[in-house]
């Protein structure tokens, strides 16, 4: 942790150049060096500098924002993926499993994002590569976190938008947020997830829609959520006919494509018009990362891995232990 020496710092209390911070650099440096290097508390710093404690807090925040202070957090070796991750990857037939500690709280993104960051870093993505994103709250929340820097990578939806109030059903929004966070280039899909027959036929020839569909076939990476059994969910997309008898056999979905215990596709009335990457396309993507956690997702994760719809998994230790136990029981 360092406090960089300011260059040409203005004298406190003097007028600042247009567009500069309202805090003189000399004052920010004094606060940062005392706090981070001398272990002084904010109250003591406030007395020494003749400012309020709230001002000291703002000085420290601004010093970090401007790069005057650099903070590095090193992941301890005890948290690295060990035997559990390796054993689970072997049991599910996956290329890699990335584990995070036990997830807690109402939002999953802050907990799972570090695992997703490691998975994306290992993917070796380059400018011009295509990354697809699915709908779902887990992917949406992870997109809002820092998951690395992927400049020039194209981010595109893997499924059309849905007529739901929750933002995580709007894949264009997830695409926008993720592209902004990683320095990528968004490519939006202006189409509903399940259009009527006439609109569906028309969309096949719409240039902007066709452009995204073409990206599905050459995507190098996909970040997907794994849905639990549709009939057991509290919230299910309005376009999914929950009364369809076939869905009683579905244990989960990826990109709104449902499948059974064996990972075999499960259709429903109108599913042939779904505007989403196909399960065959998902199998062909070199790096397909599922982000999922929770006991209710165990059967759907196992079946999705069996179907080959993702080849990597980001989850927490508790879910991993449940997955491993269920896999052993199935064998």
C-alpha atoms as a PDB file:
ATOM      1  CA  UNK A   1       0.000   0.000   0.000  1.00  0.00           C
ATOM      2  CA  UNK A   2       1.678   3.228  -1.115  1.00  0.00           C
ATOM      3  CA  UNK A   3       0.993   6.926  -1.207  1.00  0.00           C
ATOM      4  CA  UNK A   4       2.572   8.426  -4.316  1.00  0.00           C
ATOM      5  CA  UNK A   5       4.501  11.706  -3.971  1.00  0.00           C
ATOM      6  CA  UNK A   6       2.467  14.491  -5.608  1.00  0.00           C
ATOM      7  CA  UNK A   7       4.108  16.559  -8.317  1.00  0.00           C
ATOM      8  CA  UNK A   8       3.616  20.281  -8.519  1.00  0.00           C
ATOM      9  CA  UNK A   9       0.985  20.131  -5.790  1.00  0.00           C
ATOM     10  CA  UNK A  10      -0.923  23.394  -5.329  1.00  0.00           C
ATOM     11  CA  UNK A  11      -0.679  25.205  -2.023  1.00  0.00           C
ATOM     12  CA  UNK A  12      -3.724  24.508   0.203  1.00  0.00           C
ATOM     13  CA  UNK A  13      -6.306  27.243  -0.038  1.00  0.00           C
ATOM     14  CA  UNK A  14      -5.181  28.531  -3.441  1.00  0.00           C
ATOM     15  CA  UNK A  15      -7.426  28.634  -6.480  1.00  0.00           C
ATOM     16  CA  UNK A  16      -7.472  25.423  -8.512  1.00  0.00           C
ATOM     17  CA  UNK A  17      -7.288  25.041 -12.259  1.00  0.00           C
ATOM     18  CA  UNK A  18     -10.596  24.485 -14.059  1.00  0.00           C
ATOM     19  CA  UNK A  19     -11.590  20.819 -14.080  1.00  0.00           C
ATOM     20  CA  UNK A  20      -9.277  19.860 -11.191  1.00  0.00           C
ATOM     21  CA  UNK A  21     -10.422  18.313  -7.922  1.00  0.00           C
ATOM     22  CA  UNK A  22     -11.742  20.665  -5.263  1.00  0.00           C
ATOM     23  CA  UNK A  23      -9.110  19.220  -2.876  1.00  0.00           C
ATOM     24  CA  UNK A  24      -5.480  20.379  -3.257  1.00  0.00           C
ATOM     25  CA  UNK A  25      -3.153  17.471  -3.988  1.00  0.00           C
ATOM     26  CA  UNK A  26      -0.895  18.427  -1.094  1.00  0.00           C
ATOM     27  CA  UNK A  27      -3.823  18.042   1.318  1.00  0.00           C
ATOM     28  CA  UNK A  28      -4.823  14.674  -0.140  1.00  0.00           C
ATOM     29  CA  UNK A  29      -1.231  13.471   0.054  1.00  0.00           C
ATOM     30  CA  UNK A  30      -0.897  14.572   3.666  1.00  0.00           C
ATOM     31  CA  UNK A  31      -4.079  12.745   4.664  1.00  0.00           C
ATOM     32  CA  UNK A  32      -3.229   9.601   2.668  1.00  0.00           C
ATOM     33  CA  UNK A  33       0.375   9.328   3.863  1.00  0.00           C
ATOM     34  CA  UNK A  34      -0.638   9.738   7.510  1.00  0.00           C
ATOM     35  CA  UNK A  35      -3.523   7.285   7.241  1.00  0.00           C
ATOM     36  CA  UNK A  36      -1.909   4.542   5.154  1.00  0.00           C
ATOM     37  CA  UNK A  37       1.788   4.891   6.027  1.00  0.00           C
ATOM     38  CA  UNK A  38       1.749   6.235   9.601  1.00  0.00           C
ATOM     39  CA  UNK A  39      -1.367   4.318  10.775  1.00  0.00           C
ATOM     40  CA  UNK A  40      -2.973   7.523  12.080  1.00  0.00           C
ATOM     41  CA  UNK A  41      -6.747   7.414  12.530  1.00  0.00           C
ATOM     42  CA  UNK A  42      -9.070   9.830  10.758  1.00  0.00           C
ATOM     43  CA  UNK A  43      -9.799  11.775  13.952  1.00  0.00           C
ATOM     44  CA  UNK A  44      -6.113  12.518  14.577  1.00  0.00           C
ATOM     45  CA  UNK A  45      -5.580  13.477  10.939  1.00  0.00           C
ATOM     46  CA  UNK A  46      -8.530  15.865  11.078  1.00  0.00           C
ATOM     47  CA  UNK A  47      -7.010  17.661  14.116  1.00  0.00           C
ATOM     48  CA  UNK A  48      -3.565  17.907  12.497  1.00  0.00           C
ATOM     49  CA  UNK A  49      -4.912  19.271   9.199  1.00  0.00           C
ATOM     50  CA  UNK A  50      -7.555  21.496  10.753  1.00  0.00           C
ATOM     51  CA  UNK A  51     -10.455  19.909   8.872  1.00  0.00           C
ATOM     52  CA  UNK A  52     -13.488  17.800   9.811  1.00  0.00           C
ATOM     53  CA  UNK A  53     -13.362  14.021  10.011  1.00  0.00           C
ATOM     54  CA  UNK A  54     -15.835  13.842   7.120  1.00  0.00           C
ATOM     55  CA  UNK A  55     -13.410  15.885   5.012  1.00  0.00           C
ATOM     56  CA  UNK A  56     -10.595  13.449   5.842  1.00  0.00           C
ATOM     57  CA  UNK A  57     -12.777  10.592   4.604  1.00  0.00           C
ATOM     58  CA  UNK A  58     -13.421  12.454   1.356  1.00  0.00           C
ATOM     59  CA  UNK A  59      -9.724  13.290   0.980  1.00  0.00           C
ATOM     60  CA  UNK A  60      -8.805   9.599   1.271  1.00  0.00           C
ATOM     61  CA  UNK A  61     -11.497   8.560  -1.211  1.00  0.00           C
ATOM     62  CA  UNK A  62     -10.375  11.185  -3.727  1.00  0.00           C
ATOM     63  CA  UNK A  63      -6.722  10.198  -3.291  1.00  0.00           C
ATOM     64  CA  UNK A  64      -7.627   6.619  -4.204  1.00  0.00           C
ATOM     65  CA  UNK A  65      -9.772   7.715  -7.129  1.00  0.00           C
ATOM     66  CA  UNK A  66      -6.900   9.761  -8.579  1.00  0.00           C
ATOM     67  CA  UNK A  67      -4.392   6.935  -8.199  1.00  0.00           C
ATOM     68  CA  UNK A  68      -2.410   8.678  -5.476  1.00  0.00           C
ATOM     69  CA  UNK A  69      -3.063   5.616  -3.302  1.00  0.00           C
ATOM     70  CA  UNK A  70      -2.757   2.039  -4.559  1.00  0.00           C
ATOM     71  CA  UNK A  71      -4.271  -0.809  -2.575  1.00  0.00           C
ATOM     72  CA  UNK A  72      -3.657  -4.441  -3.452  1.00  0.00           C
ATOM     73  CA  UNK A  73      -5.613  -7.345  -2.004  1.00  0.00           C
ATOM     74  CA  UNK A  74      -3.872 -10.694  -2.415  1.00  0.00           C
ATOM     75  CA  UNK A  75      -5.944 -13.867  -2.473  1.00  0.00           C
ATOM     76  CA  UNK A  76      -4.618 -16.197   0.268  1.00  0.00           C
ATOM     77  CA  UNK A  77      -3.429 -19.617  -0.831  1.00  0.00           C
ATOM     78  CA  UNK A  78      -5.982 -21.227   1.490  1.00  0.00           C
ATOM     79  CA  UNK A  79      -8.748 -19.947  -0.803  1.00  0.00           C
ATOM     80  CA  UNK A  80      -7.253 -21.243  -4.055  1.00  0.00           C
ATOM     81  CA  UNK A  81      -9.125 -23.984  -5.868  1.00  0.00           C
ATOM     82  CA  UNK A  82      -7.941 -27.244  -4.368  1.00  0.00           C
ATOM     83  CA  UNK A  83      -8.942 -30.915  -4.296  1.00  0.00           C
ATOM     84  CA  UNK A  84     -12.670 -30.167  -3.993  1.00  0.00           C
ATOM     85  CA  UNK A  85     -12.700 -28.147  -7.221  1.00  0.00           C
ATOM     86  CA  UNK A  86     -10.664 -30.785  -9.056  1.00  0.00           C
ATOM     87  CA  UNK A  87     -12.798 -33.657  -7.801  1.00  0.00           C
ATOM     88  CA  UNK A  88     -16.025 -31.872  -8.723  1.00  0.00           C
ATOM     89  CA  UNK A  89     -14.759 -31.037 -12.209  1.00  0.00           C
ATOM     90  CA  UNK A  90     -13.950 -34.721 -12.743  1.00  0.00           C
ATOM     91  CA  UNK A  91     -17.308 -35.844 -11.359  1.00  0.00           C
ATOM     92  CA  UNK A  92     -19.288 -33.494 -13.633  1.00  0.00           C
ATOM     93  CA  UNK A  93     -17.048 -33.905 -16.659  1.00  0.00           C
ATOM     94  CA  UNK A  94     -16.130 -30.214 -16.665  1.00  0.00           C
ATOM     95  CA  UNK A  95     -12.869 -28.633 -17.733  1.00  0.00           C
ATOM     96  CA  UNK A  96     -12.582 -26.474 -14.616  1.00  0.00           C
ATOM     97  CA  UNK A  97     -14.459 -25.487 -11.455  1.00  0.00           C
ATOM     98  CA  UNK A  98     -13.816 -22.155  -9.744  1.00  0.00           C
ATOM     99  CA  UNK A  99     -14.811 -22.000  -6.092  1.00  0.00           C
ATOM    100  CA  UNK A 100     -15.568 -19.065  -3.833  1.00  0.00           C
ATOM    101  CA  UNK A 101     -16.271 -19.221  -0.072  1.00  0.00           C
ATOM    102  CA  UNK A 102     -19.806 -19.716   1.167  1.00  0.00           C
ATOM    103  CA  UNK A 103     -22.165 -17.217  -0.468  1.00  0.00           C
ATOM    104  CA  UNK A 104     -24.393 -15.142   1.796  1.00  0.00           C
ATOM    105  CA  UNK A 105     -26.685 -12.136   1.639  1.00  0.00           C
ATOM    106  CA  UNK A 106     -29.399 -11.114  -0.799  1.00  0.00           C
ATOM    107  CA  UNK A 107     -27.035 -10.513  -3.750  1.00  0.00           C
ATOM    108  CA  UNK A 108     -24.900 -13.265  -5.275  1.00  0.00           C
ATOM    109  CA  UNK A 109     -22.803 -11.120  -7.612  1.00  0.00           C
ATOM    110  CA  UNK A 110     -20.283  -9.707  -5.097  1.00  0.00           C
ATOM    111  CA  UNK A 111     -19.516 -13.227  -3.858  1.00  0.00           C
ATOM    112  CA  UNK A 112     -19.310 -15.015  -7.227  1.00  0.00           C
ATOM    113  CA  UNK A 113     -17.602 -12.263  -9.241  1.00  0.00           C
ATOM    114  CA  UNK A 114     -14.062 -13.156  -8.033  1.00  0.00           C
ATOM    115  CA  UNK A 115     -14.517 -16.698  -9.341  1.00  0.00           C
ATOM    116  CA  UNK A 116     -15.854 -15.415 -12.650  1.00  0.00           C
ATOM    117  CA  UNK A 117     -12.922 -13.012 -12.863  1.00  0.00           C
ATOM    118  CA  UNK A 118     -10.481 -15.905 -12.573  1.00  0.00           C
ATOM    119  CA  UNK A 119     -12.357 -17.914 -15.175  1.00  0.00           C
ATOM    120  CA  UNK A 120     -12.346 -15.028 -17.655  1.00  0.00           C
ATOM    121  CA  UNK A 121      -8.662 -14.333 -17.038  1.00  0.00           C
ATOM    122  CA  UNK A 122      -7.822 -17.970 -17.794  1.00  0.00           C
ATOM    123  CA  UNK A 123      -9.856 -17.844 -21.026  1.00  0.00           C
ATOM    124  CA  UNK A 124      -7.217 -15.708 -22.740  1.00  0.00           C
ATOM    125  CA  UNK A 125      -9.762 -13.526 -24.526  1.00  0.00           C
ATOM    126  CA  UNK A 126      -8.478 -11.007 -27.059  1.00  0.00           C
ATOM    127  CA  UNK A 127      -9.894  -7.954 -28.788  1.00  0.00           C
ATOM    128  CA  UNK A 128     -12.470  -9.061 -31.335  1.00  0.00           C
ATOM    129  CA  UNK A 129     -13.453 -12.220 -29.470  1.00  0.00           C
ATOM    130  CA  UNK A 130     -17.159 -12.660 -28.737  1.00  0.00           C
ATOM    131  CA  UNK A 131     -18.575 -13.231 -25.242  1.00  0.00           C
ATOM    132  CA  UNK A 132     -22.265 -14.136 -24.885  1.00  0.00           C
ATOM    133  CA  UNK A 133     -24.303 -13.400 -21.764  1.00  0.00           C
ATOM    134  CA  UNK A 134     -27.562 -15.028 -20.709  1.00  0.00           C
ATOM    135  CA  UNK A 135     -30.453 -13.593 -18.752  1.00  0.00           C
ATOM    136  CA  UNK A 136     -30.866 -14.271 -15.042  1.00  0.00           C
ATOM    137  CA  UNK A 137     -30.193 -12.472 -11.782  1.00  0.00           C
ATOM    138  CA  UNK A 138     -26.863 -14.182 -11.086  1.00  0.00           C
ATOM    139  CA  UNK A 139     -25.271 -13.147 -14.396  1.00  0.00           C
ATOM    140  CA  UNK A 140     -26.799  -9.667 -14.093  1.00  0.00           C
ATOM    141  CA  UNK A 141     -25.364  -9.168 -10.604  1.00  0.00           C
ATOM    142  CA  UNK A 142     -21.932 -10.482 -11.604  1.00  0.00           C
ATOM    143  CA  UNK A 143     -21.908  -8.072 -14.552  1.00  0.00           C
ATOM    144  CA  UNK A 144     -22.211  -5.176 -12.122  1.00  0.00           C
ATOM    145  CA  UNK A 145     -19.035  -6.202 -10.312  1.00  0.00           C
ATOM    146  CA  UNK A 146     -15.432  -5.923 -11.413  1.00  0.00           C
ATOM    147  CA  UNK A 147     -14.667  -9.081 -13.411  1.00  0.00           C
ATOM    148  CA  UNK A 148     -11.429  -8.031 -15.083  1.00  0.00           C
ATOM    149  CA  UNK A 149     -10.477  -5.928 -18.087  1.00  0.00           C
ATOM    150  CA  UNK A 150     -11.226  -7.240 -21.606  1.00  0.00           C
ATOM    151  CA  UNK A 151     -10.681  -4.302 -23.979  1.00  0.00           C
ATOM    152  CA  UNK A 152     -12.134  -4.697 -27.454  1.00  0.00           C
ATOM    153  CA  UNK A 153     -14.028  -7.904 -26.666  1.00  0.00           C
ATOM    154  CA  UNK A 154     -17.552  -7.984 -28.108  1.00  0.00           C
ATOM    155  CA  UNK A 155     -20.312  -8.606 -25.540  1.00  0.00           C
ATOM    156  CA  UNK A 156     -23.637  -9.864 -26.930  1.00  0.00           C
ATOM    157  CA  UNK A 157     -26.903 -11.293 -25.535  1.00  0.00           C
ATOM    158  CA  UNK A 158     -27.429 -15.034 -25.837  1.00  0.00           C
ATOM    159  CA  UNK A 159     -31.217 -14.631 -25.669  1.00  0.00           C
ATOM    160  CA  UNK A 160     -33.775 -11.974 -26.530  1.00  0.00           C
ATOM    161  CA  UNK A 161     -35.400  -9.634 -24.043  1.00  0.00           C
ATOM    162  CA  UNK A 162     -38.403 -10.553 -21.945  1.00  0.00           C
ATOM    163  CA  UNK A 163     -41.512  -8.664 -20.924  1.00  0.00           C
ATOM    164  CA  UNK A 164     -40.701  -8.741 -17.218  1.00  0.00           C
ATOM    165  CA  UNK A 165     -40.139  -5.878 -14.753  1.00  0.00           C
ATOM    166  CA  UNK A 166     -36.925  -7.323 -13.334  1.00  0.00           C
ATOM    167  CA  UNK A 167     -33.822  -5.860 -15.033  1.00  0.00           C
ATOM    168  CA  UNK A 168     -32.037  -9.210 -15.200  1.00  0.00           C
ATOM    169  CA  UNK A 169     -34.532 -10.400 -17.805  1.00  0.00           C
ATOM    170  CA  UNK A 170     -33.348  -7.621 -20.145  1.00  0.00           C
ATOM    171  CA  UNK A 171     -30.199  -9.090 -21.683  1.00  0.00           C
ATOM    172  CA  UNK A 172     -29.344  -5.856 -23.478  1.00  0.00           C
ATOM    173  CA  UNK A 173     -28.991  -4.217 -20.058  1.00  0.00           C
ATOM    174  CA  UNK A 174     -26.695  -6.978 -18.811  1.00  0.00           C
ATOM    175  CA  UNK A 175     -24.716  -6.633 -22.042  1.00  0.00           C
ATOM    176  CA  UNK A 176     -24.367  -2.867 -21.590  1.00  0.00           C
ATOM    177  CA  UNK A 177     -23.247  -3.121 -17.969  1.00  0.00           C
ATOM    178  CA  UNK A 178     -20.721  -5.887 -18.584  1.00  0.00           C
ATOM    179  CA  UNK A 179     -19.241  -4.183 -21.652  1.00  0.00           C
ATOM    180  CA  UNK A 180     -18.839  -0.972 -19.661  1.00  0.00           C
ATOM    181  CA  UNK A 181     -17.151  -2.766 -16.754  1.00  0.00           C
ATOM    182  CA  UNK A 182     -14.646  -4.763 -18.846  1.00  0.00           C
ATOM    183  CA  UNK A 183     -13.940  -2.208 -21.580  1.00  0.00           C
ATOM    184  CA  UNK A 184     -15.724  -4.283 -24.206  1.00  0.00           C
ATOM    185  CA  UNK A 185     -17.936  -3.433 -27.166  1.00  0.00           C
ATOM    186  CA  UNK A 186     -21.682  -4.094 -26.711  1.00  0.00           C
ATOM    187  CA  UNK A 187     -23.751  -5.613 -29.500  1.00  0.00           C
ATOM    188  CA  UNK A 188     -27.465  -5.363 -28.732  1.00  0.00           C
ATOM    189  CA  UNK A 189     -30.254  -7.741 -29.703  1.00  0.00           C
ATOM    190  CA  UNK A 190     -33.475  -5.879 -30.454  1.00  0.00           C
ATOM    191  CA  UNK A 191     -35.848  -8.825 -30.348  1.00  0.00           C
ATOM    192  CA  UNK A 192     -38.175 -10.451 -27.813  1.00  0.00           C
ATOM    193  CA  UNK A 193     -37.261 -13.860 -26.456  1.00  0.00           C
ATOM    194  CA  UNK A 194     -40.379 -15.493 -27.875  1.00  0.00           C
ATOM    195  CA  UNK A 195     -42.004 -13.528 -30.733  1.00  0.00           C
ATOM    196  CA  UNK A 196     -45.163 -14.543 -32.557  1.00  0.00           C
ATOM    197  CA  UNK A 197     -44.845 -16.579 -35.785  1.00  0.00           C
ATOM    198  CA  UNK A 198     -44.990 -13.589 -38.163  1.00  0.00           C
ATOM    199  CA  UNK A 199     -42.514 -11.497 -36.190  1.00  0.00           C
ATOM    200  CA  UNK A 200     -40.200 -14.468 -35.760  1.00  0.00           C
ATOM    201  CA  UNK A 201     -40.033 -14.988 -39.532  1.00  0.00           C
ATOM    202  CA  UNK A 202     -39.440 -11.284 -40.059  1.00  0.00           C
ATOM    203  CA  UNK A 203     -36.631 -11.171 -37.491  1.00  0.00           C
ATOM    204  CA  UNK A 204     -34.671 -13.799 -39.409  1.00  0.00           C
ATOM    205  CA  UNK A 205     -34.064 -11.174 -42.085  1.00  0.00           C
ATOM    206  CA  UNK A 206     -33.630  -8.120 -39.865  1.00  0.00           C
ATOM    207  CA  UNK A 207     -29.957  -7.051 -40.274  1.00  0.00           C
ATOM    208  CA  UNK A 208     -29.396  -5.968 -36.662  1.00  0.00           C
ATOM    209  CA  UNK A 209     -30.884  -9.209 -35.329  1.00  0.00           C
ATOM    210  CA  UNK A 210     -29.106 -11.342 -37.904  1.00  0.00           C
ATOM    211  CA  UNK A 211     -25.791  -9.754 -36.914  1.00  0.00           C
ATOM    212  CA  UNK A 212     -26.155 -10.925 -33.302  1.00  0.00           C
ATOM    213  CA  UNK A 213     -27.354 -14.372 -34.368  1.00  0.00           C
ATOM    214  CA  UNK A 214     -24.206 -14.707 -36.461  1.00  0.00           C
ATOM    215  CA  UNK A 215     -22.158 -13.911 -33.351  1.00  0.00           C
ATOM    216  CA  UNK A 216     -23.681 -16.910 -31.582  1.00  0.00           C
ATOM    217  CA  UNK A 217     -22.032 -19.283 -34.044  1.00  0.00           C
ATOM    218  CA  UNK A 218     -18.535 -17.830 -33.582  1.00  0.00           C
ATOM    219  CA  UNK A 219     -18.562 -16.952 -29.882  1.00  0.00           C
ATOM    220  CA  UNK A 220     -15.404 -17.862 -28.011  1.00  0.00           C
ATOM    221  CA  UNK A 221     -16.924 -17.544 -24.538  1.00  0.00           C
ATOM    222  CA  UNK A 222     -20.338 -17.597 -22.858  1.00  0.00           C
ATOM    223  CA  UNK A 223     -21.368 -16.589 -19.336  1.00  0.00           C
ATOM    224  CA  UNK A 224     -24.616 -18.317 -18.452  1.00  0.00           C
ATOM    225  CA  UNK A 225     -26.874 -18.715 -15.467  1.00  0.00           C
ATOM    226  CA  UNK A 226     -28.431 -22.078 -14.682  1.00  0.00           C
ATOM    227  CA  UNK A 227     -32.142 -22.038 -13.943  1.00  0.00           C
ATOM    228  CA  UNK A 228     -33.768 -24.503 -11.576  1.00  0.00           C
ATOM    229  CA  UNK A 229     -36.792 -26.641 -12.474  1.00  0.00           C
ATOM    230  CA  UNK A 230     -39.329 -24.253 -14.056  1.00  0.00           C
ATOM    231  CA  UNK A 231     -42.342 -25.506 -12.110  1.00  0.00           C
ATOM    232  CA  UNK A 232     -40.559 -25.021  -8.776  1.00  0.00           C
ATOM    233  CA  UNK A 233     -39.613 -21.365  -9.321  1.00  0.00           C
ATOM    234  CA  UNK A 234     -41.315 -18.408  -7.740  1.00  0.00           C
ATOM    235  CA  UNK A 235     -40.671 -16.320 -10.873  1.00  0.00           C
ATOM    236  CA  UNK A 236     -40.790 -17.745 -14.375  1.00  0.00           C
ATOM    237  CA  UNK A 237     -40.773 -15.752 -17.630  1.00  0.00           C
ATOM    238  CA  UNK A 238     -44.270 -14.967 -18.891  1.00  0.00           C
ATOM    239  CA  UNK A 239     -43.555 -16.528 -22.299  1.00  0.00           C
ATOM    240  CA  UNK A 240     -42.988 -19.958 -20.718  1.00  0.00           C
ATOM    241  CA  UNK A 241     -46.304 -21.892 -20.623  1.00  0.00           C
ATOM    242  CA  UNK A 242     -46.062 -23.417 -17.154  1.00  0.00           C
ATOM    243  CA  UNK A 243     -49.121 -25.545 -17.878  1.00  0.00           C
ATOM    244  CA  UNK A 244     -47.335 -27.406 -20.682  1.00  0.00           C
ATOM    245  CA  UNK A 245     -47.088 -31.116 -19.690  1.00  0.00           C
ATOM    246  CA  UNK A 246     -43.565 -31.390 -21.123  1.00  0.00           C
ATOM    247  CA  UNK A 247     -42.170 -28.929 -18.576  1.00  0.00           C
ATOM    248  CA  UNK A 248     -42.932 -31.331 -15.736  1.00  0.00           C
ATOM    249  CA  UNK A 249     -39.881 -33.239 -16.973  1.00  0.00           C
ATOM    250  CA  UNK A 250     -37.594 -30.185 -17.045  1.00  0.00           C
ATOM    251  CA  UNK A 251     -35.052 -29.833 -14.240  1.00  0.00           C
ATOM    252  CA  UNK A 252     -33.380 -26.645 -15.448  1.00  0.00           C
ATOM    253  CA  UNK A 253     -32.467 -24.363 -18.303  1.00  0.00           C
ATOM    254  CA  UNK A 254     -29.599 -22.435 -19.842  1.00  0.00           C
ATOM    255  CA  UNK A 255     -30.415 -19.400 -22.000  1.00  0.00           C
ATOM    256  CA  UNK A 256     -34.120 -20.275 -21.613  1.00  0.00           C
ATOM    257  CA  UNK A 257     -33.492 -23.686 -23.232  1.00  0.00           C
ATOM    258  CA  UNK A 258     -34.941 -26.327 -20.913  1.00  0.00           C
ATOM    259  CA  UNK A 259     -33.596 -29.847 -20.392  1.00  0.00           C
ATOM    260  CA  UNK A 260     -34.383 -32.988 -18.362  1.00  0.00           C
ATOM    261  CA  UNK A 261     -32.363 -35.072 -15.870  1.00  0.00           C
ATOM    262  CA  UNK A 262     -30.256 -36.517 -18.664  1.00  0.00           C
ATOM    263  CA  UNK A 263     -29.553 -33.131 -20.167  1.00  0.00           C
ATOM    264  CA  UNK A 264     -31.837 -33.799 -23.124  1.00  0.00           C
ATOM    265  CA  UNK A 265     -33.767 -30.796 -24.525  1.00  0.00           C
ATOM    266  CA  UNK A 266     -37.332 -30.258 -23.340  1.00  0.00           C
ATOM    267  CA  UNK A 267     -39.580 -28.307 -25.686  1.00  0.00           C
ATOM    268  CA  UNK A 268     -42.901 -26.610 -25.133  1.00  0.00           C
ATOM    269  CA  UNK A 269     -45.490 -24.916 -27.368  1.00  0.00           C
ATOM    270  CA  UNK A 270     -43.710 -22.130 -29.235  1.00  0.00           C
ATOM    271  CA  UNK A 271     -40.161 -23.070 -28.153  1.00  0.00           C
ATOM    272  CA  UNK A 272     -39.221 -23.510 -31.810  1.00  0.00           C
ATOM    273  CA  UNK A 273     -39.534 -19.704 -32.106  1.00  0.00           C
ATOM    274  CA  UNK A 274     -37.242 -18.920 -29.177  1.00  0.00           C
ATOM    275  CA  UNK A 275     -34.737 -16.208 -30.083  1.00  0.00           C
ATOM    276  CA  UNK A 276     -31.726 -17.616 -28.261  1.00  0.00           C
ATOM    277  CA  UNK A 277     -28.499 -19.409 -28.986  1.00  0.00           C
ATOM    278  CA  UNK A 278     -29.131 -23.104 -29.502  1.00  0.00           C
ATOM    279  CA  UNK A 279     -27.973 -25.844 -27.171  1.00  0.00           C
ATOM    280  CA  UNK A 280     -25.777 -27.141 -29.994  1.00  0.00           C
ATOM    281  CA  UNK A 281     -24.124 -23.719 -30.261  1.00  0.00           C
ATOM    282  CA  UNK A 282     -23.513 -23.737 -26.505  1.00  0.00           C
ATOM    283  CA  UNK A 283     -21.769 -27.101 -26.783  1.00  0.00           C
ATOM    284  CA  UNK A 284     -19.444 -25.728 -29.460  1.00  0.00           C
ATOM    285  CA  UNK A 285     -18.336 -22.623 -27.531  1.00  0.00           C
ATOM    286  CA  UNK A 286     -14.714 -23.148 -26.380  1.00  0.00           C
ATOM    287  CA  UNK A 287     -15.170 -21.490 -22.955  1.00  0.00           C
ATOM    288  CA  UNK A 288     -18.699 -21.701 -21.564  1.00  0.00           C
ATOM    289  CA  UNK A 289     -18.885 -20.616 -17.920  1.00  0.00           C
ATOM    290  CA  UNK A 290     -21.919 -21.397 -15.781  1.00  0.00           C
ATOM    291  CA  UNK A 291     -22.377 -19.189 -12.726  1.00  0.00           C
ATOM    292  CA  UNK A 292     -24.735 -20.841 -10.260  1.00  0.00           C
ATOM    293  CA  UNK A 293     -25.121 -21.429  -6.542  1.00  0.00           C
ATOM    294  CA  UNK A 294     -27.629 -22.950  -4.110  1.00  0.00           C
ATOM    295  CA  UNK A 295     -29.141 -26.297  -3.180  1.00  0.00           C
ATOM    296  CA  UNK A 296     -32.078 -25.693  -5.541  1.00  0.00           C
ATOM    297  CA  UNK A 297     -29.645 -25.604  -8.465  1.00  0.00           C
ATOM    298  CA  UNK A 298     -27.860 -28.901  -7.787  1.00  0.00           C
ATOM    299  CA  UNK A 299     -29.964 -31.113 -10.096  1.00  0.00           C
ATOM    300  CA  UNK A 300     -30.042 -28.487 -12.842  1.00  0.00           C
ATOM    301  CA  UNK A 301     -26.256 -27.990 -12.701  1.00  0.00           C
ATOM    302  CA  UNK A 302     -25.614 -31.732 -12.890  1.00  0.00           C
ATOM    303  CA  UNK A 303     -28.023 -32.182 -15.807  1.00  0.00           C
ATOM    304  CA  UNK A 304     -26.666 -29.113 -17.637  1.00  0.00           C
ATOM    305  CA  UNK A 305     -23.115 -30.413 -17.305  1.00  0.00           C
ATOM    306  CA  UNK A 306     -24.294 -33.815 -18.517  1.00  0.00           C
ATOM    307  CA  UNK A 307     -25.796 -32.174 -21.583  1.00  0.00           C
ATOM    308  CA  UNK A 308     -22.531 -30.326 -22.252  1.00  0.00           C
ATOM    309  CA  UNK A 309     -24.132 -26.861 -22.172  1.00  0.00           C
ATOM    310  CA  UNK A 310     -21.190 -25.448 -20.203  1.00  0.00           C
ATOM    311  CA  UNK A 311     -17.672 -26.711 -19.588  1.00  0.00           C
ATOM    312  CA  UNK A 312     -16.717 -24.581 -16.586  1.00  0.00           C
ATOM    313  CA  UNK A 313     -18.512 -23.727 -13.355  1.00  0.00           C
ATOM    314  CA  UNK A 314     -18.290 -20.906 -10.831  1.00  0.00           C
ATOM    315  CA  UNK A 315     -19.968 -21.778  -7.539  1.00  0.00           C
ATOM    316  CA  UNK A 316     -19.413 -21.727  -3.790  1.00  0.00           C
ATOM    317  CA  UNK A 317     -17.941 -24.408  -1.547  1.00  0.00           C
ATOM    318  CA  UNK A 318     -21.285 -25.407  -0.009  1.00  0.00           C
ATOM    319  CA  UNK A 319     -22.908 -25.954  -3.424  1.00  0.00           C
ATOM    320  CA  UNK A 320     -19.809 -27.810  -4.606  1.00  0.00           C
ATOM    321  CA  UNK A 321     -20.050 -30.226  -1.689  1.00  0.00           C
ATOM    322  CA  UNK A 322     -23.745 -30.799  -2.448  1.00  0.00           C
ATOM    323  CA  UNK A 323     -22.989 -31.394  -6.126  1.00  0.00           C
ATOM    324  CA  UNK A 324     -20.278 -33.887  -5.300  1.00  0.00           C
ATOM    325  CA  UNK A 325     -22.507 -35.771  -2.859  1.00  0.00           C
ATOM    326  CA  UNK A 326     -25.345 -35.914  -5.411  1.00  0.00           C
ATOM    327  CA  UNK A 327     -22.963 -37.109  -8.122  1.00  0.00           C
ATOM    328  CA  UNK A 328     -21.674 -39.878  -5.904  1.00  0.00           C
ATOM    329  CA  UNK A 329     -25.202 -40.946  -5.012  1.00  0.00           C
ATOM    330  CA  UNK A 330     -26.176 -41.057  -8.682  1.00  0.00           C
ATOM    331  CA  UNK A 331     -23.218 -43.318  -9.445  1.00  0.00           C
END
